[in-house]
C-alpha atoms as a PDB file:
ATOM      1  CA  MET A   1    -166.726 265.932 -74.296  1.00  0.00           C
ATOM      2  CA  ALA A   2    -169.764 267.756 -75.974  1.00  0.00           C
ATOM      3  CA  LYS A   3    -173.104 266.711 -74.464  1.00  0.00           C
ATOM      4  CA  GLN A   4    -174.862 264.036 -76.408  1.00  0.00           C
ATOM      5  CA  THR A   5    -178.003 264.790 -78.077  1.00  0.00           C
ATOM      6  CA  PRO A   6    -181.202 262.563 -77.622  1.00  0.00           C
ATOM      7  CA  PHE A   7    -181.792 260.059 -80.320  1.00  0.00           C
ATOM      8  CA  PHE A   8    -185.020 261.206 -81.294  1.00  0.00           C
ATOM      9  CA  THR A   9    -183.832 264.808 -81.575  1.00  0.00           C
ATOM     10  CA  SER A  10    -181.060 263.720 -83.753  1.00  0.00           C
ATOM     11  CA  ILE A  11    -183.725 261.577 -85.927  1.00  0.00           C
ATOM     12  CA  SER A  12    -185.867 264.878 -86.259  1.00  0.00           C
ATOM     13  CA  ARG A  13    -182.926 266.640 -87.553  1.00  0.00           C
ATOM     14  CA  LEU A  14    -182.062 264.003 -90.094  1.00  0.00           C
ATOM     15  CA  TYR A  15    -185.691 263.617 -91.512  1.00  0.00           C
ATOM     16  CA  PRO A  16    -185.475 266.703 -93.740  1.00  0.00           C
ATOM     17  CA  HIS A  17    -182.326 265.163 -95.496  1.00  0.00           C
ATOM     18  CA  VAL A  18    -183.635 261.622 -95.730  1.00  0.00           C
ATOM     19  CA  LYS A  19    -187.448 262.429 -96.788  1.00  0.00           C
ATOM     20  CA  PRO A  20    -186.552 262.376-100.580  1.00  0.00           C
ATOM     21  CA  ILE A  21    -185.324 258.570-100.240  1.00  0.00           C
ATOM     22  CA  ILE A  22    -187.729 257.236 -97.743  1.00  0.00           C
ATOM     23  CA  PRO A  23    -189.520 255.118-100.668  1.00  0.00           C
ATOM     24  CA  ARG A  24    -186.149 253.726-101.604  1.00  0.00           C
ATOM     25  CA  LEU A  25    -185.329 253.015 -97.815  1.00  0.00           C
ATOM     26  CA  PHE A  26    -188.711 251.288 -97.428  1.00  0.00           C
ATOM     27  CA  MET A  27    -188.270 249.268-100.575  1.00  0.00           C
ATOM     28  CA  GLY A  28    -184.693 248.256 -99.249  1.00  0.00           C
ATOM     29  CA  LEU A  29    -186.385 247.549 -95.728  1.00  0.00           C
ATOM     30  CA  LEU A  30    -188.853 245.227 -97.536  1.00  0.00           C
ATOM     31  CA  CYS A  31    -186.403 243.290 -99.544  1.00  0.00           C
ATOM     32  CA  ALA A  32    -184.413 242.698 -96.354  1.00  0.00           C
ATOM     33  CA  LEU A  33    -187.348 241.307 -94.559  1.00  0.00           C
ATOM     34  CA  LEU A  34    -188.335 238.956 -97.357  1.00  0.00           C
ATOM     35  CA  ALA A  35    -184.630 237.772 -97.729  1.00  0.00           C
ATOM     36  CA  SER A  36    -184.828 237.116 -93.745  1.00  0.00           C
ATOM     37  CA  ILE A  37    -187.891 235.008 -94.115  1.00  0.00           C
ATOM     38  CA  VAL A  38    -186.605 233.281 -97.168  1.00  0.00           C
ATOM     39  CA  ALA A  39    -183.836 232.256 -94.958  1.00  0.00           C
ATOM     40  CA  LEU A  40    -186.101 231.029 -92.480  1.00  0.00           C
ATOM     41  CA  ALA A  41    -188.124 228.904 -94.823  1.00  0.00           C
ATOM     42  CA  ILE A  42    -185.058 226.942 -95.834  1.00  0.00           C
ATOM     43  CA  PRO A  43    -184.616 225.070 -92.627  1.00  0.00           C
ATOM     44  CA  GLN A  44    -188.239 224.176 -92.701  1.00  0.00           C
ATOM     45  CA  VAL A  45    -187.647 222.792 -96.277  1.00  0.00           C
ATOM     46  CA  LEU A  46    -184.646 220.927 -94.749  1.00  0.00           C
ATOM     47  CA  ARG A  47    -186.939 219.374 -91.993  1.00  0.00           C
ATOM     48  CA  VAL A  48    -189.598 218.016 -94.666  1.00  0.00           C
ATOM     49  CA  LEU A  49    -186.768 216.633 -96.780  1.00  0.00           C
ATOM     50  CA  ILE A  50    -185.351 214.704 -93.668  1.00  0.00           C
ATOM     51  CA  ASN A  51    -188.385 213.839 -92.262  1.00  0.00           C
ATOM     52  CA  ASP A  52    -190.664 212.544 -95.382  1.00  0.00           C
ATOM     53  CA  SER A  53    -188.198 212.359 -98.477  1.00  0.00           C
ATOM     54  CA  LEU A  54    -185.156 210.573 -96.688  1.00  0.00           C
ATOM     55  CA  ARG A  55    -187.278 208.023 -94.760  1.00  0.00           C
ATOM     56  CA  PRO A  56    -187.242 204.573 -95.705  1.00  0.00           C
ATOM     57  CA  GLY A  57    -189.522 203.786 -98.885  1.00  0.00           C
ATOM     58  CA  GLY A  58    -189.532 207.800 -99.587  1.00  0.00           C
ATOM     59  CA  ALA A  59    -189.668 208.733-103.351  1.00  0.00           C
ATOM     60  CA  THR A  60    -186.819 209.849-105.152  1.00  0.00           C
ATOM     61  CA  ASP A  61    -188.649 212.683-106.836  1.00  0.00           C
ATOM     62  CA  ALA A  62    -189.509 214.228-103.608  1.00  0.00           C
ATOM     63  CA  VAL A  63    -185.660 214.669-102.789  1.00  0.00           C
ATOM     64  CA  TRP A  64    -185.105 216.563-106.149  1.00  0.00           C
ATOM     65  CA  ILE A  65    -188.071 218.539-105.658  1.00  0.00           C
ATOM     66  CA  ALA A  66    -186.868 219.651-101.998  1.00  0.00           C
ATOM     67  CA  SER A  67    -183.445 220.152-103.511  1.00  0.00           C
ATOM     68  CA  LEU A  68    -184.558 222.339-106.123  1.00  0.00           C
ATOM     69  CA  THR A  69    -186.644 224.239-103.679  1.00  0.00           C
ATOM     70  CA  ILE A  70    -183.814 224.916-101.528  1.00  0.00           C
ATOM     71  CA  LEU A  71    -181.968 226.041-104.515  1.00  0.00           C
ATOM     72  CA  GLY A  72    -184.524 228.459-105.514  1.00  0.00           C
ATOM     73  CA  LEU A  73    -184.828 229.915-102.056  1.00  0.00           C
ATOM     74  CA  GLY A  74    -181.018 230.280-101.787  1.00  0.00           C
ATOM     75  CA  VAL A  75    -181.019 232.172-105.244  1.00  0.00           C
ATOM     76  CA  ALA A  76    -184.150 234.198-104.063  1.00  0.00           C
ATOM     77  CA  GLU A  77    -182.371 235.306-100.870  1.00  0.00           C
ATOM     78  CA  ALA A  78    -179.266 236.438-102.743  1.00  0.00           C
ATOM     79  CA  GLY A  79    -181.340 238.320-105.444  1.00  0.00           C
ATOM     80  CA  LEU A  80    -183.304 239.978-102.522  1.00  0.00           C
ATOM     81  CA  VAL A  81    -180.261 240.965-100.723  1.00  0.00           C
ATOM     82  CA  ALA A  82    -178.574 242.399-104.159  1.00  0.00           C
ATOM     83  CA  LEU A  83    -181.755 244.361-104.435  1.00  0.00           C
ATOM     84  CA  ARG A  84    -181.862 245.889-100.923  1.00  0.00           C
ATOM     85  CA  ARG A  85    -178.172 247.145-101.460  1.00  0.00           C
ATOM     86  CA  GLN A  86    -179.326 248.869-104.960  1.00  0.00           C
ATOM     87  CA  PHE A  87    -182.226 250.296-103.448  1.00  0.00           C
ATOM     88  CA  VAL A  88    -180.390 252.043-100.425  1.00  0.00           C
ATOM     89  CA  ILE A  89    -176.636 252.405-101.138  1.00  0.00           C
ATOM     90  CA  ASN A  90    -177.019 255.105-103.860  1.00  0.00           C
ATOM     91  CA  PRO A  91    -179.632 257.158-102.280  1.00  0.00           C
ATOM     92  CA  ALA A  92    -177.599 257.074 -98.997  1.00  0.00           C
ATOM     93  CA  THR A  93    -174.427 258.204-100.712  1.00  0.00           C
ATOM     94  CA  THR A  94    -176.414 261.061-102.362  1.00  0.00           C
ATOM     95  CA  VAL A  95    -177.804 262.161 -98.725  1.00  0.00           C
ATOM     96  CA  GLU A  96    -174.321 262.090 -97.410  1.00  0.00           C
ATOM     97  CA  THR A  97    -173.141 264.411-100.205  1.00  0.00           C
ATOM     98  CA  ARG A  98    -175.976 266.557 -99.741  1.00  0.00           C
ATOM     99  CA  MET A  99    -175.418 266.885 -95.979  1.00  0.00           C
ATOM    100  CA  ARG A 100    -171.739 267.490 -96.354  1.00  0.00           C
ATOM    101  CA  VAL A 101    -172.279 270.429 -98.925  1.00  0.00           C
ATOM    102  CA  SER A 102    -175.032 271.816 -96.657  1.00  0.00           C
ATOM    103  CA  LEU A 103    -172.761 271.683 -93.506  1.00  0.00           C
ATOM    104  CA  TYR A 104    -169.908 273.410 -95.542  1.00  0.00           C
ATOM    105  CA  GLY A 105    -172.516 276.286 -96.349  1.00  0.00           C
ATOM    106  CA  HIS A 106    -173.607 276.542 -92.925  1.00  0.00           C
ATOM    107  CA  LEU A 107    -170.109 276.849 -91.676  1.00  0.00           C
ATOM    108  CA  GLN A 108    -169.511 279.502 -94.254  1.00  0.00           C
ATOM    109  CA  ASP A 109    -172.407 281.678 -92.827  1.00  0.00           C
ATOM    110  CA  LEU A 110    -170.952 281.287 -89.015  1.00  0.00           C
ATOM    111  CA  THR A 111    -169.195 284.047 -87.367  1.00  0.00           C
ATOM    112  CA  VAL A 112    -165.565 284.213 -86.960  1.00  0.00           C
ATOM    113  CA  SER A 113    -165.854 283.649 -83.298  1.00  0.00           C
ATOM    114  CA  PHE A 114    -167.376 280.226 -83.708  1.00  0.00           C
ATOM    115  CA  HIS A 115    -164.295 279.247 -85.804  1.00  0.00           C
ATOM    116  CA  ASP A 116    -162.213 280.559 -83.036  1.00  0.00           C
ATOM    117  CA  ARG A 117    -163.652 278.308 -80.620  1.00  0.00           C
ATOM    118  CA  TRP A 118    -163.791 275.271 -82.728  1.00  0.00           C
ATOM    119  CA  GLY A 119    -160.833 273.751 -84.188  1.00  0.00           C
ATOM    120  CA  SER A 120    -160.518 273.054 -87.943  1.00  0.00           C
ATOM    121  CA  GLY A 121    -159.910 269.359 -87.414  1.00  0.00           C
ATOM    122  CA  GLN A 122    -163.027 269.030 -85.178  1.00  0.00           C
ATOM    123  CA  LEU A 123    -164.996 270.352 -87.981  1.00  0.00           C
ATOM    124  CA  LEU A 124    -163.486 268.216 -90.567  1.00  0.00           C
ATOM    125  CA  SER A 125    -163.963 265.203 -88.475  1.00  0.00           C
ATOM    126  CA  ARG A 126    -167.693 266.026 -88.177  1.00  0.00           C
ATOM    127  CA  ALA A 127    -167.969 266.705 -92.125  1.00  0.00           C
ATOM    128  CA  MET A 128    -166.094 263.691 -93.008  1.00  0.00           C
ATOM    129  CA  THR A 129    -166.163 260.818 -90.287  1.00  0.00           C
ATOM    130  CA  ASP A 130    -169.644 261.662 -88.752  1.00  0.00           C
ATOM    131  CA  LEU A 131    -171.338 261.872 -91.848  1.00  0.00           C
ATOM    132  CA  ASN A 132    -169.846 258.910 -93.233  1.00  0.00           C
ATOM    133  CA  PHE A 133    -171.241 256.889 -90.043  1.00  0.00           C
ATOM    134  CA  LEU A 134    -174.750 258.296 -90.943  1.00  0.00           C
ATOM    135  CA  ARG A 135    -174.583 257.189 -94.305  1.00  0.00           C
ATOM    136  CA  ARG A 136    -173.710 253.626 -93.217  1.00  0.00           C
ATOM    137  CA  TRP A 137    -176.310 253.687 -90.542  1.00  0.00           C
ATOM    138  CA  MET A 138    -179.013 254.729 -93.050  1.00  0.00           C
ATOM    139  CA  ALA A 139    -177.990 252.231 -95.732  1.00  0.00           C
ATOM    140  CA  PHE A 140    -177.421 249.256 -93.392  1.00  0.00           C
ATOM    141  CA  GLY A 141    -177.956 249.910 -89.689  1.00  0.00           C
ATOM    142  CA  ALA A 142    -181.342 251.216 -89.528  1.00  0.00           C
ATOM    143  CA  ILE A 143    -182.701 248.566 -91.754  1.00  0.00           C
ATOM    144  CA  MET A 144    -181.011 245.543 -90.456  1.00  0.00           C
ATOM    145  CA  LEU A 145    -182.376 246.798 -86.932  1.00  0.00           C
ATOM    146  CA  VAL A 146    -185.971 246.585 -87.950  1.00  0.00           C
ATOM    147  CA  VAL A 147    -185.435 243.393 -90.023  1.00  0.00           C
ATOM    148  CA  THR A 148    -183.470 241.740 -87.253  1.00  0.00           C
ATOM    149  CA  THR A 149    -186.088 242.416 -84.481  1.00  0.00           C
ATOM    150  CA  LEU A 150    -188.865 241.018 -86.726  1.00  0.00           C
ATOM    151  CA  THR A 151    -186.767 237.953 -87.896  1.00  0.00           C
ATOM    152  CA  VAL A 152    -186.109 237.313 -84.304  1.00  0.00           C
ATOM    153  CA  VAL A 153    -189.998 237.628 -83.407  1.00  0.00           C
ATOM    154  CA  ILE A 154    -190.817 235.392 -86.378  1.00  0.00           C
ATOM    155  CA  GLY A 155    -188.185 232.831 -85.651  1.00  0.00           C
ATOM    156  CA  VAL A 156    -189.162 232.266 -81.901  1.00  0.00           C
ATOM    157  CA  VAL A 157    -192.877 231.941 -83.030  1.00  0.00           C
ATOM    158  CA  VAL A 158    -191.778 229.267 -85.553  1.00  0.00           C
ATOM    159  CA  MET A 159    -189.488 227.456 -82.846  1.00  0.00           C
ATOM    160  CA  PHE A 160    -192.390 227.520 -80.557  1.00  0.00           C
ATOM    161  CA  ALA A 161    -194.534 225.848 -82.936  1.00  0.00           C
ATOM    162  CA  MET A 162    -191.898 223.201 -83.721  1.00  0.00           C
ATOM    163  CA  SER A 163    -190.465 222.393 -80.100  1.00  0.00           C
ATOM    164  CA  TRP A 164    -191.260 224.664 -77.088  1.00  0.00           C
ATOM    165  CA  GLN A 165    -188.279 223.035 -75.410  1.00  0.00           C
ATOM    166  CA  LEU A 166    -185.677 224.100 -78.127  1.00  0.00           C
ATOM    167  CA  ALA A 167    -187.199 227.516 -78.315  1.00  0.00           C
ATOM    168  CA  LEU A 168    -186.609 227.970 -74.549  1.00  0.00           C
ATOM    169  CA  ILE A 169    -183.105 226.953 -75.009  1.00  0.00           C
ATOM    170  CA  PHE A 170    -182.764 229.581 -77.525  1.00  0.00           C
ATOM    171  CA  LEU A 171    -184.519 232.236 -75.304  1.00  0.00           C
ATOM    172  CA  ALA A 172    -181.981 231.254 -72.544  1.00  0.00           C
ATOM    173  CA  ALA A 173    -179.486 232.411 -74.905  1.00  0.00           C
ATOM    174  CA  ALA A 174    -181.085 235.376 -76.414  1.00  0.00           C
ATOM    175  CA  VAL A 175    -182.245 237.205 -73.374  1.00  0.00           C
ATOM    176  CA  PRO A 176    -178.534 237.576 -71.876  1.00  0.00           C
ATOM    177  CA  ILE A 177    -177.264 238.797 -75.149  1.00  0.00           C
ATOM    178  CA  MET A 178    -180.000 241.351 -75.475  1.00  0.00           C
ATOM    179  CA  ILE A 179    -179.176 242.556 -71.706  1.00  0.00           C
ATOM    180  CA  TYR A 180    -175.563 243.105 -72.507  1.00  0.00           C
ATOM    181  CA  GLY A 181    -176.209 244.368 -75.859  1.00  0.00           C
ATOM    182  CA  PHE A 182    -177.610 247.409 -74.149  1.00  0.00           C
ATOM    183  CA  ARG A 183    -174.896 247.718 -71.718  1.00  0.00           C
ATOM    184  CA  PHE A 184    -172.703 247.405 -74.550  1.00  0.00           C
ATOM    185  CA  ARG A 185    -174.251 250.284 -76.362  1.00  0.00           C
ATOM    186  CA  THR A 186    -174.426 252.501 -73.311  1.00  0.00           C
ATOM    187  CA  ARG A 187    -170.266 252.014 -72.634  1.00  0.00           C
ATOM    188  CA  PHE A 188    -169.210 251.959 -76.325  1.00  0.00           C
ATOM    189  CA  SER A 189    -171.163 255.075 -77.366  1.00  0.00           C
ATOM    190  CA  LYS A 190    -169.052 257.099 -74.553  1.00  0.00           C
ATOM    191  CA  VAL A 191    -165.940 255.570 -75.718  1.00  0.00           C
ATOM    192  CA  ALA A 192    -166.537 256.218 -79.490  1.00  0.00           C
ATOM    193  CA  ARG A 193    -167.801 259.807 -78.766  1.00  0.00           C
ATOM    194  CA  ARG A 194    -164.309 260.073 -76.927  1.00  0.00           C
ATOM    195  CA  SER A 195    -162.430 258.859 -79.828  1.00  0.00           C
ATOM    196  CA  GLN A 196    -164.112 261.254 -82.240  1.00  0.00           C
ATOM    197  CA  ASP A 197    -163.325 264.251 -80.217  1.00  0.00           C
ATOM    198  CA  GLN A 198    -159.638 263.152 -79.690  1.00  0.00           C
ATOM    199  CA  ALA A 199    -159.363 262.353 -83.581  1.00  0.00           C
ATOM    200  CA  GLY A 200    -160.807 265.903 -84.164  1.00  0.00           C
ATOM    201  CA  ASP A 201    -158.243 267.515 -81.546  1.00  0.00           C
ATOM    202  CA  LEU A 202    -155.281 265.718 -83.273  1.00  0.00           C
ATOM    203  CA  ALA A 203    -156.240 266.743 -86.818  1.00  0.00           C
ATOM    204  CA  THR A 204    -156.511 270.368 -85.463  1.00  0.00           C
ATOM    205  CA  THR A 205    -152.913 269.942 -83.976  1.00  0.00           C
ATOM    206  CA  VAL A 206    -151.734 268.413 -87.257  1.00  0.00           C
ATOM    207  CA  GLU A 207    -153.299 271.104 -89.525  1.00  0.00           C
ATOM    208  CA  GLU A 208    -152.222 273.947 -87.178  1.00  0.00           C
ATOM    209  CA  SER A 209    -148.538 272.551 -87.258  1.00  0.00           C
ATOM    210  CA  VAL A 210    -148.356 272.280 -90.925  1.00  0.00           C
ATOM    211  CA  HIS A 211    -149.357 275.735 -91.395  1.00  0.00           C
ATOM    212  CA  GLY A 212    -147.382 277.120 -88.638  1.00  0.00           C
ATOM    213  CA  ILE A 213    -144.074 274.931 -89.158  1.00  0.00           C
ATOM    214  CA  ARG A 214    -142.163 278.141 -90.037  1.00  0.00           C
ATOM    215  CA  VAL A 215    -143.188 279.805 -86.826  1.00  0.00           C
ATOM    216  CA  LEU A 216    -142.557 276.769 -84.674  1.00  0.00           C
ATOM    217  CA  LYS A 217    -139.058 276.415 -85.967  1.00  0.00           C
ATOM    218  CA  ALA A 218    -138.257 280.089 -85.945  1.00  0.00           C
ATOM    219  CA  PHE A 219    -139.174 280.278 -82.180  1.00  0.00           C
ATOM    220  CA  GLY A 220    -137.576 276.808 -81.568  1.00  0.00           C
ATOM    221  CA  ARG A 221    -140.785 275.077 -80.408  1.00  0.00           C
ATOM    222  CA  SER A 222    -140.667 272.313 -82.809  1.00  0.00           C
ATOM    223  CA  ARG A 223    -140.005 269.658 -80.093  1.00  0.00           C
ATOM    224  CA  GLU A 224    -142.745 270.752 -77.623  1.00  0.00           C
ATOM    225  CA  ALA A 225    -145.155 270.639 -80.558  1.00  0.00           C
ATOM    226  CA  LEU A 226    -143.937 267.108 -81.385  1.00  0.00           C
ATOM    227  CA  GLU A 227    -144.133 265.896 -77.890  1.00  0.00           C
ATOM    228  CA  ASN A 228    -148.008 267.698 -77.643  1.00  0.00           C
ATOM    229  CA  PHE A 229    -148.704 265.523 -80.897  1.00  0.00           C
ATOM    230  CA  ASN A 230    -147.142 262.483 -79.446  1.00  0.00           C
ATOM    231  CA  GLU A 231    -149.380 262.749 -76.326  1.00  0.00           C
ATOM    232  CA  GLN A 232    -152.657 263.446 -78.240  1.00  0.00           C
ATOM    233  CA  ALA A 233    -151.794 260.448 -80.425  1.00  0.00           C
ATOM    234  CA  GLU A 234    -151.097 258.282 -77.415  1.00  0.00           C
ATOM    235  CA  GLU A 235    -154.309 259.019 -75.869  1.00  0.00           C
ATOM    236  CA  LEU A 236    -156.382 258.512 -79.032  1.00  0.00           C
ATOM    237  CA  ARG A 237    -154.309 255.057 -79.455  1.00  0.00           C
ATOM    238  CA  GLN A 238    -155.617 254.010 -75.660  1.00  0.00           C
ATOM    239  CA  THR A 239    -159.103 255.051 -76.515  1.00  0.00           C
ATOM    240  CA  GLU A 240    -159.050 252.992 -79.876  1.00  0.00           C
ATOM    241  CA  ILE A 241    -157.648 249.808 -77.664  1.00  0.00           C
ATOM    242  CA  ALA A 242    -160.319 250.630 -75.307  1.00  0.00           C
ATOM    243  CA  LYS A 243    -162.908 250.529 -78.163  1.00  0.00           C
ATOM    244  CA  ALA A 244    -161.498 246.873 -79.426  1.00  0.00           C
ATOM    245  CA  LYS A 245    -161.525 245.544 -75.994  1.00  0.00           C
ATOM    246  CA  HIS A 246    -165.516 246.486 -75.681  1.00  0.00           C
ATOM    247  CA  GLN A 247    -165.930 244.854 -79.416  1.00  0.00           C
ATOM    248  CA  ALA A 248    -164.039 241.885 -78.630  1.00  0.00           C
ATOM    249  CA  THR A 249    -165.904 241.248 -75.469  1.00  0.00           C
ATOM    250  CA  PHE A 250    -169.157 241.897 -77.129  1.00  0.00           C
ATOM    251  CA  SER A 251    -168.087 239.569 -79.969  1.00  0.00           C
ATOM    252  CA  MET A 252    -167.100 236.770 -77.562  1.00  0.00           C
ATOM    253  CA  VAL A 253    -170.644 237.159 -75.731  1.00  0.00           C
ATOM    254  CA  VAL A 254    -172.630 237.150 -78.801  1.00  0.00           C
ATOM    255  CA  THR A 255    -170.773 234.193 -80.385  1.00  0.00           C
ATOM    256  CA  LEU A 256    -170.382 232.153 -77.139  1.00  0.00           C
ATOM    257  CA  LEU A 257    -173.877 231.915 -75.903  1.00  0.00           C
ATOM    258  CA  PRO A 258    -175.574 230.941 -79.115  1.00  0.00           C
ATOM    259  CA  GLU A 259    -173.045 228.227 -79.815  1.00  0.00           C
ATOM    260  CA  LEU A 260    -173.746 226.884 -76.345  1.00  0.00           C
ATOM    261  CA  ALA A 261    -177.426 227.212 -76.946  1.00  0.00           C
ATOM    262  CA  LEU A 262    -176.985 225.129 -80.193  1.00  0.00           C
ATOM    263  CA  GLY A 263    -174.798 222.436 -78.216  1.00  0.00           C
ATOM    264  CA  ALA A 264    -177.639 222.377 -75.447  1.00  0.00           C
ATOM    265  CA  GLY A 265    -180.299 222.018 -78.148  1.00  0.00           C
ATOM    266  CA  TRP A 266    -178.284 219.094 -79.758  1.00  0.00           C
ATOM    267  CA  TRP A 267    -177.986 217.440 -76.469  1.00  0.00           C
ATOM    268  CA  ARG A 268    -181.628 217.795 -75.806  1.00  0.00           C
ATOM    269  CA  ALA A 269    -182.762 216.497 -79.341  1.00  0.00           C
ATOM    270  CA  SER A 270    -180.415 213.484 -78.893  1.00  0.00           C
ATOM    271  CA  ARG A 271    -182.258 212.536 -75.845  1.00  0.00           C
ATOM    272  CA  TRP A 272    -185.829 212.231 -77.632  1.00  0.00           C
ATOM    273  CA  PRO A 273    -186.841 208.594 -78.452  1.00  0.00           C
ATOM    274  CA  ARG A 274    -186.353 207.907 -82.223  1.00  0.00           C
ATOM    275  CA  THR A 275    -189.512 206.628 -83.908  1.00  0.00           C
ATOM    276  CA  ALA A 276    -189.794 203.167 -85.468  1.00  0.00           C
ATOM    277  CA  SER A 277    -189.669 204.938 -89.011  1.00  0.00           C
END
């Protein structure tokens, strides 16, 4: 397995390709952040609606105003999400295309000894699968990483302003998720890298077998070639199963803990004394 490149080194190599679309990425980031803020504002409007408008003697007009406000916020959130996609998807696809063309041109300039060391399937996997991952990371992953971090910080501040007890319940679930998230990243990155290498090796085997099918049959090596292919395919299958297990465990943790926190928050809120109003 090839040695992994440090994260910031990879970012520095990516910067020249991303530089032309940085303004579009920034606008997409801004739209995503505004959409998250709008989403956080909707529960606050609901709180005002329940505490003020729906109490005995509340005005009917206040209910309509709150309902229209929630509708407007929902439409605004959907519009901001659509704008975010418009700002980042097309530029990210353009960057992916340019990087693929640049990689192809670079491969053409390399010596024959390099191509002897590297299988064609590996190079094809790097040019197609890896660049596709980079495009999706630019268009979604990097932006949502920043937005989610800021949203969590803003949400925690709002929760502490409303009820420090409920905020502590949320943090009790959020901290283990963060710790497990870092552990998941470390483990999953190793398995994912192994899967990429195995997929490249398998593609190389397929391509070499297709080009050399006559030679394999002439020397009676077709059965051995098939067995080699089956072994590589089974190794890749086991690696993909390991990836699925890691993802399933992570999905269970990030789904179960928030639900438990929600149940604990509901139980704590039900224990508070009700006001006369």
